[in-house]
Amino acid sequence: MGDSATRTREVRARDIELFTELTGDRNPLHHDPELAARSRFGGIVVQGGVTSGLLNALVAEDLPGPGSVFLSVSWRFRAPVRPGDVLTARAVVTSVREDKPVTGLDTSITNQDGVVVLDGSAVVWRDPAVAALT
């Protein structure tokens, strides 16, 4: 309880391209600078999956660690993320099941200005066989 981890990464325009290749998400808010400039966002925004993906890496690599997968997430996207933003993901352990390898986390992502761009919670299961090897 209370353990925490962070992970920081700069988001690049190439991340948008790669996510589009992977998912087929061709929303003009992510690709069309002129149209995106006329939107409420005032410019290109990064897909939410790119933003939240930093939490995937944090959970799988740092806390709880290798062998971890999300069972559920509840995330609110609070502010747009743009290419060039430096994001810091943070997870804090809020609960640990004694009967199963299940952990509850408070999660958040902030940008280089300290603005919360995503927050919420997650429940994670960690495979005991993988955890034992790391």
C-alpha atoms as a PDB file:
ATOM      1  CA  MET A   1       0.000   0.000   0.000  1.00  0.00           C
ATOM      2  CA  GLY A   2       1.270   3.428  -0.935  1.00  0.00           C
ATOM      3  CA  ASP A   3       4.060   2.191  -3.206  1.00  0.00           C
ATOM      4  CA  SER A   4       4.373   4.334  -6.311  1.00  0.00           C
ATOM      5  CA  ALA A   5       6.205   4.513  -9.612  1.00  0.00           C
ATOM      6  CA  THR A   6       6.585   7.056 -12.387  1.00  0.00           C
ATOM      7  CA  ARG A   7       7.615   6.922 -16.015  1.00  0.00           C
ATOM      8  CA  THR A   8       8.306   9.904 -18.290  1.00  0.00           C
ATOM      9  CA  ARG A   9       8.309  10.129 -22.075  1.00  0.00           C
ATOM     10  CA  GLU A  10       8.149  12.794 -24.765  1.00  0.00           C
ATOM     11  CA  VAL A  11       5.281  12.320 -27.213  1.00  0.00           C
ATOM     12  CA  ARG A  12       6.265  12.708 -30.858  1.00  0.00           C
ATOM     13  CA  ALA A  13       4.339  13.182 -34.096  1.00  0.00           C
ATOM     14  CA  ARG A  14       5.635   9.740 -35.101  1.00  0.00           C
ATOM     15  CA  ASP A  15       3.630   8.251 -32.190  1.00  0.00           C
ATOM     16  CA  ILE A  16       0.444   9.470 -33.883  1.00  0.00           C
ATOM     17  CA  GLU A  17       1.512   7.839 -37.155  1.00  0.00           C
ATOM     18  CA  LEU A  18       2.378   4.536 -35.479  1.00  0.00           C
ATOM     19  CA  PHE A  19      -0.871   4.449 -33.500  1.00  0.00           C
ATOM     20  CA  THR A  20      -2.799   5.146 -36.701  1.00  0.00           C
ATOM     21  CA  GLU A  21      -1.019   2.282 -38.471  1.00  0.00           C
ATOM     22  CA  LEU A  22      -1.807  -0.025 -35.579  1.00  0.00           C
ATOM     23  CA  THR A  23      -5.454   0.928 -35.025  1.00  0.00           C
ATOM     24  CA  GLY A  24      -6.713   2.647 -38.166  1.00  0.00           C
ATOM     25  CA  ASP A  25      -7.695   5.729 -36.110  1.00  0.00           C
ATOM     26  CA  ARG A  26      -7.670   8.435 -38.790  1.00  0.00           C
ATOM     27  CA  ASN A  27      -9.600  11.079 -36.862  1.00  0.00           C
ATOM     28  CA  PRO A  28      -8.741  14.451 -38.466  1.00  0.00           C
ATOM     29  CA  LEU A  29      -8.103  15.937 -35.006  1.00  0.00           C
ATOM     30  CA  HIS A  30      -4.941  13.820 -35.011  1.00  0.00           C
ATOM     31  CA  HIS A  31      -3.894  14.337 -38.642  1.00  0.00           C
ATOM     32  CA  ASP A  32      -5.297  17.487 -40.247  1.00  0.00           C
ATOM     33  CA  PRO A  33      -3.584  20.606 -38.852  1.00  0.00           C
ATOM     34  CA  GLU A  34      -5.997  23.058 -40.504  1.00  0.00           C
ATOM     35  CA  LEU A  35      -9.147  21.289 -39.338  1.00  0.00           C
ATOM     36  CA  ALA A  36      -7.702  20.603 -35.886  1.00  0.00           C
ATOM     37  CA  ALA A  37      -6.799  24.304 -35.558  1.00  0.00           C
ATOM     38  CA  ARG A  38     -10.483  25.199 -36.076  1.00  0.00           C
ATOM     39  CA  SER A  39     -11.596  22.705 -33.412  1.00  0.00           C
ATOM     40  CA  ARG A  40     -12.045  23.450 -29.719  1.00  0.00           C
ATOM     41  CA  PHE A  41      -8.547  21.991 -29.224  1.00  0.00           C
ATOM     42  CA  GLY A  42      -6.862  24.625 -31.400  1.00  0.00           C
ATOM     43  CA  GLY A  43      -4.461  22.165 -33.000  1.00  0.00           C
ATOM     44  CA  ILE A  44      -3.380  18.571 -33.426  1.00  0.00           C
ATOM     45  CA  VAL A  45      -4.038  16.325 -30.432  1.00  0.00           C
ATOM     46  CA  VAL A  46      -2.496  12.950 -29.710  1.00  0.00           C
ATOM     47  CA  GLN A  47      -4.798   9.916 -29.573  1.00  0.00           C
ATOM     48  CA  GLY A  48      -5.919   8.924 -26.076  1.00  0.00           C
ATOM     49  CA  GLY A  49      -4.439   5.475 -26.603  1.00  0.00           C
ATOM     50  CA  VAL A  50      -0.980   6.972 -27.056  1.00  0.00           C
ATOM     51  CA  THR A  51      -1.420   8.942 -23.841  1.00  0.00           C
ATOM     52  CA  SER A  52      -2.773   6.055 -21.764  1.00  0.00           C
ATOM     53  CA  GLY A  53      -0.180   3.710 -23.275  1.00  0.00           C
ATOM     54  CA  LEU A  54       2.381   5.231 -20.952  1.00  0.00           C
ATOM     55  CA  LEU A  55       0.430   3.675 -18.068  1.00  0.00           C
ATOM     56  CA  ASN A  56       0.538   0.314 -19.848  1.00  0.00           C
ATOM     57  CA  ALA A  57       4.337   0.515 -19.846  1.00  0.00           C
ATOM     58  CA  LEU A  58       4.468   1.682 -16.233  1.00  0.00           C
ATOM     59  CA  VAL A  59       2.315  -1.216 -15.025  1.00  0.00           C
ATOM     60  CA  ALA A  60       4.072  -3.837 -17.153  1.00  0.00           C
ATOM     61  CA  GLU A  61       7.606  -2.700 -16.384  1.00  0.00           C
ATOM     62  CA  ASP A  62       7.569  -0.992 -12.984  1.00  0.00           C
ATOM     63  CA  LEU A  63       4.500  -1.414 -10.756  1.00  0.00           C
ATOM     64  CA  PRO A  64       3.394  -4.119 -10.207  1.00  0.00           C
ATOM     65  CA  GLY A  65       5.852  -5.195 -12.919  1.00  0.00           C
ATOM     66  CA  PRO A  66       6.387  -7.918 -15.544  1.00  0.00           C
ATOM     67  CA  GLY A  67       3.433 -10.258 -15.977  1.00  0.00           C
ATOM     68  CA  SER A  68       0.905  -7.525 -15.123  1.00  0.00           C
ATOM     69  CA  VAL A  69      -2.237  -6.921 -17.146  1.00  0.00           C
ATOM     70  CA  PHE A  70      -5.157  -4.567 -16.636  1.00  0.00           C
ATOM     71  CA  LEU A  71      -8.384  -6.150 -15.421  1.00  0.00           C
ATOM     72  CA  SER A  72     -10.224  -2.820 -15.477  1.00  0.00           C
ATOM     73  CA  VAL A  73      -9.518   0.867 -15.885  1.00  0.00           C
ATOM     74  CA  SER A  74     -11.509   4.019 -15.245  1.00  0.00           C
ATOM     75  CA  TRP A  75      -9.749   6.984 -16.823  1.00  0.00           C
ATOM     76  CA  ARG A  76     -10.787  10.575 -17.462  1.00  0.00           C
ATOM     77  CA  PHE A  77      -9.009  12.494 -20.198  1.00  0.00           C
ATOM     78  CA  ARG A  78      -8.710  15.989 -18.734  1.00  0.00           C
ATOM     79  CA  ALA A  79      -6.619  17.989 -21.200  1.00  0.00           C
ATOM     80  CA  PRO A  80      -5.302  17.592 -24.745  1.00  0.00           C
ATOM     81  CA  VAL A  81      -1.855  16.162 -25.374  1.00  0.00           C
ATOM     82  CA  ARG A  82       0.185  17.500 -28.269  1.00  0.00           C
ATOM     83  CA  PRO A  83       3.294  16.295 -30.064  1.00  0.00           C
ATOM     84  CA  GLY A  84       6.283  17.561 -28.109  1.00  0.00           C
ATOM     85  CA  ASP A  85       4.585  17.277 -24.712  1.00  0.00           C
ATOM     86  CA  VAL A  86       6.583  15.487 -22.038  1.00  0.00           C
ATOM     87  CA  LEU A  87       4.274  13.201 -20.086  1.00  0.00           C
ATOM     88  CA  THR A  88       4.835  11.670 -16.673  1.00  0.00           C
ATOM     89  CA  ALA A  89       2.666   8.714 -15.693  1.00  0.00           C
ATOM     90  CA  ARG A  90       2.253   7.891 -12.020  1.00  0.00           C
ATOM     91  CA  ALA A  91       0.661   4.925 -10.275  1.00  0.00           C
ATOM     92  CA  VAL A  92       0.083   4.548  -6.543  1.00  0.00           C
ATOM     93  CA  VAL A  93      -0.971   1.262  -4.925  1.00  0.00           C
ATOM     94  CA  THR A  94      -4.315   1.704  -3.151  1.00  0.00           C
ATOM     95  CA  SER A  95      -5.208  -1.926  -2.483  1.00  0.00           C
ATOM     96  CA  VAL A  96      -3.655  -5.387  -2.527  1.00  0.00           C
ATOM     97  CA  ARG A  97      -5.699  -8.560  -2.507  1.00  0.00           C
ATOM     98  CA  GLU A  98      -4.400 -11.194  -0.099  1.00  0.00           C
ATOM     99  CA  ASP A  99      -6.145 -14.076  -1.903  1.00  0.00           C
ATOM    100  CA  LYS A 100      -5.110 -13.194  -5.495  1.00  0.00           C
ATOM    101  CA  PRO A 101      -2.285 -11.313  -7.226  1.00  0.00           C
ATOM    102  CA  VAL A 102      -4.555  -8.307  -7.789  1.00  0.00           C
ATOM    103  CA  THR A 103      -3.586  -4.710  -7.090  1.00  0.00           C
ATOM    104  CA  GLY A 104      -5.641  -1.502  -7.155  1.00  0.00           C
ATOM    105  CA  LEU A 105      -3.941   1.646  -8.409  1.00  0.00           C
ATOM    106  CA  ASP A 106      -4.614   5.367  -8.528  1.00  0.00           C
ATOM    107  CA  THR A 107      -3.278   6.538 -11.879  1.00  0.00           C
ATOM    108  CA  SER A 108      -2.474   9.895 -13.410  1.00  0.00           C
ATOM    109  CA  ILE A 109      -0.543  11.483 -16.237  1.00  0.00           C
ATOM    110  CA  THR A 110       0.703  15.052 -16.180  1.00  0.00           C
ATOM    111  CA  ASN A 111       2.410  17.122 -18.852  1.00  0.00           C
ATOM    112  CA  GLN A 112       5.571  19.208 -18.604  1.00  0.00           C
ATOM    113  CA  ASP A 113       3.552  22.116 -17.155  1.00  0.00           C
ATOM    114  CA  GLY A 114       2.087  19.989 -14.353  1.00  0.00           C
ATOM    115  CA  VAL A 115      -1.343  19.855 -16.007  1.00  0.00           C
ATOM    116  CA  VAL A 116      -3.196  16.607 -15.349  1.00  0.00           C
ATOM    117  CA  VAL A 117      -4.078  15.204 -18.775  1.00  0.00           C
ATOM    118  CA  LEU A 118      -5.459  11.865 -17.529  1.00  0.00           C
ATOM    119  CA  ASP A 119      -6.467  10.514 -14.128  1.00  0.00           C
ATOM    120  CA  GLY A 120      -8.404   7.644 -12.666  1.00  0.00           C
ATOM    121  CA  SER A 121      -7.903   4.165 -11.356  1.00  0.00           C
ATOM    122  CA  ALA A 122      -6.999   0.671 -12.467  1.00  0.00           C
ATOM    123  CA  VAL A 123      -7.130  -2.902 -11.241  1.00  0.00           C
ATOM    124  CA  VAL A 124      -4.176  -5.061 -12.254  1.00  0.00           C
ATOM    125  CA  TRP A 125      -3.513  -8.814 -12.123  1.00  0.00           C
ATOM    126  CA  ARG A 126       0.086 -10.049 -12.068  1.00  0.00           C
ATOM    127  CA  ASP A 127       0.885 -13.531 -13.265  1.00  0.00           C
ATOM    128  CA  PRO A 128       2.669 -15.325 -10.412  1.00  0.00           C
ATOM    129  CA  ALA A 129       4.800 -17.474 -12.732  1.00  0.00           C
ATOM    130  CA  VAL A 130       6.172 -14.398 -14.524  1.00  0.00           C
ATOM    131  CA  ALA A 131       6.574 -12.436 -11.280  1.00  0.00           C
ATOM    132  CA  ALA A 132       8.642 -15.292  -9.813  1.00  0.00           C
ATOM    133  CA  LEU A 133      11.109 -15.089 -12.698  1.00  0.00           C
ATOM    134  CA  THR A 134      11.730 -11.341 -12.447  1.00  0.00           C
END
